[in-house]
Amino acid sequence: MDGARAQVEMALDRSLADNAHDWNSVKTRVREALSSYIYRKTKRSPMILPILMEV
């Protein structure tokens, strides 16, 4: 879980650095980063459903 959390944090940091404020692009980046990380670890294609909440 720590590795997955780090991947999500890096994807969010890249989105902030690129000024991507569109929720769909942020969710896509998180999904792609986490999906590739989990595939590298398990050799299976996961179903990633990111849910972002604005607070």
Protein backbone atom coordinates (compact mmCIF):
# COMPACT_ATOMS: atom_id res chain seq x y z
CA MET A 1 0.00 0.00 0.00
CA ASP A 2 2.86 2.38 0.68
CA GLY A 3 4.14 2.04 -2.87
CA ALA A 4 0.66 2.60 -4.30
CA ARG A 5 0.20 5.67 -2.11
CA ALA A 6 3.53 7.06 -3.32
CA GLN A 7 2.48 6.54 -6.96
CA VAL A 8 -0.79 8.41 -6.39
CA GLU A 9 1.02 11.26 -4.62
CA MET A 10 3.50 11.57 -7.48
CA ALA A 11 0.66 11.62 -10.04
CA LEU A 12 -1.10 14.36 -8.06
CA ASP A 13 2.13 16.34 -7.78
CA ARG A 14 2.66 16.10 -11.55
CA SER A 15 -0.90 17.28 -12.13
CA LEU A 16 -0.33 20.30 -9.89
CA ALA A 17 2.98 21.07 -11.58
CA ASP A 18 1.32 20.95 -15.02
CA ASN A 19 -1.58 23.14 -13.78
CA ALA A 20 -4.08 20.41 -14.65
CA HIS A 21 -7.14 21.53 -12.72
CA ASP A 22 -9.64 19.53 -14.73
CA TRP A 23 -10.94 16.65 -12.57
CA ASN A 24 -11.05 14.22 -15.49
CA SER A 25 -7.39 14.73 -16.38
CA VAL A 26 -6.33 14.37 -12.74
CA LYS A 27 -8.35 11.16 -12.37
CA THR A 28 -6.89 9.80 -15.61
CA ARG A 29 -3.33 10.48 -14.45
CA VAL A 30 -3.98 8.80 -11.09
CA ARG A 31 -5.63 5.81 -12.77
CA GLU A 32 -2.78 5.34 -15.25
CA ALA A 33 -0.04 5.69 -12.63
CA LEU A 34 -1.68 3.29 -10.20
CA SER A 35 -2.66 0.81 -12.88
CA SER A 36 0.87 0.54 -14.24
CA TYR A 37 2.31 0.22 -10.72
CA ILE A 38 -0.06 -2.60 -9.77
CA TYR A 39 0.53 -4.35 -13.11
CA ARG A 40 4.30 -4.27 -12.56
CA LYS A 41 3.84 -5.82 -9.10
CA THR A 42 1.16 -8.45 -9.84
CA LYS A 43 1.27 -8.96 -13.64
CA ARG A 44 -2.50 -8.49 -13.67
CA SER A 45 -4.58 -5.65 -15.08
CA PRO A 46 -6.47 -3.98 -12.25
CA MET A 47 -9.71 -2.03 -12.41
CA ILE A 48 -8.95 1.37 -10.88
CA LEU A 49 -11.86 3.65 -9.98
CA PRO A 50 -10.47 6.90 -8.57
CA ILE A 51 -12.90 8.98 -6.56
CA LEU A 52 -11.83 12.57 -5.89
CA MET A 53 -13.64 14.78 -3.43
CA GLU A 54 -13.35 18.53 -3.25
CA VAL A 55 -13.20 19.87 0.29
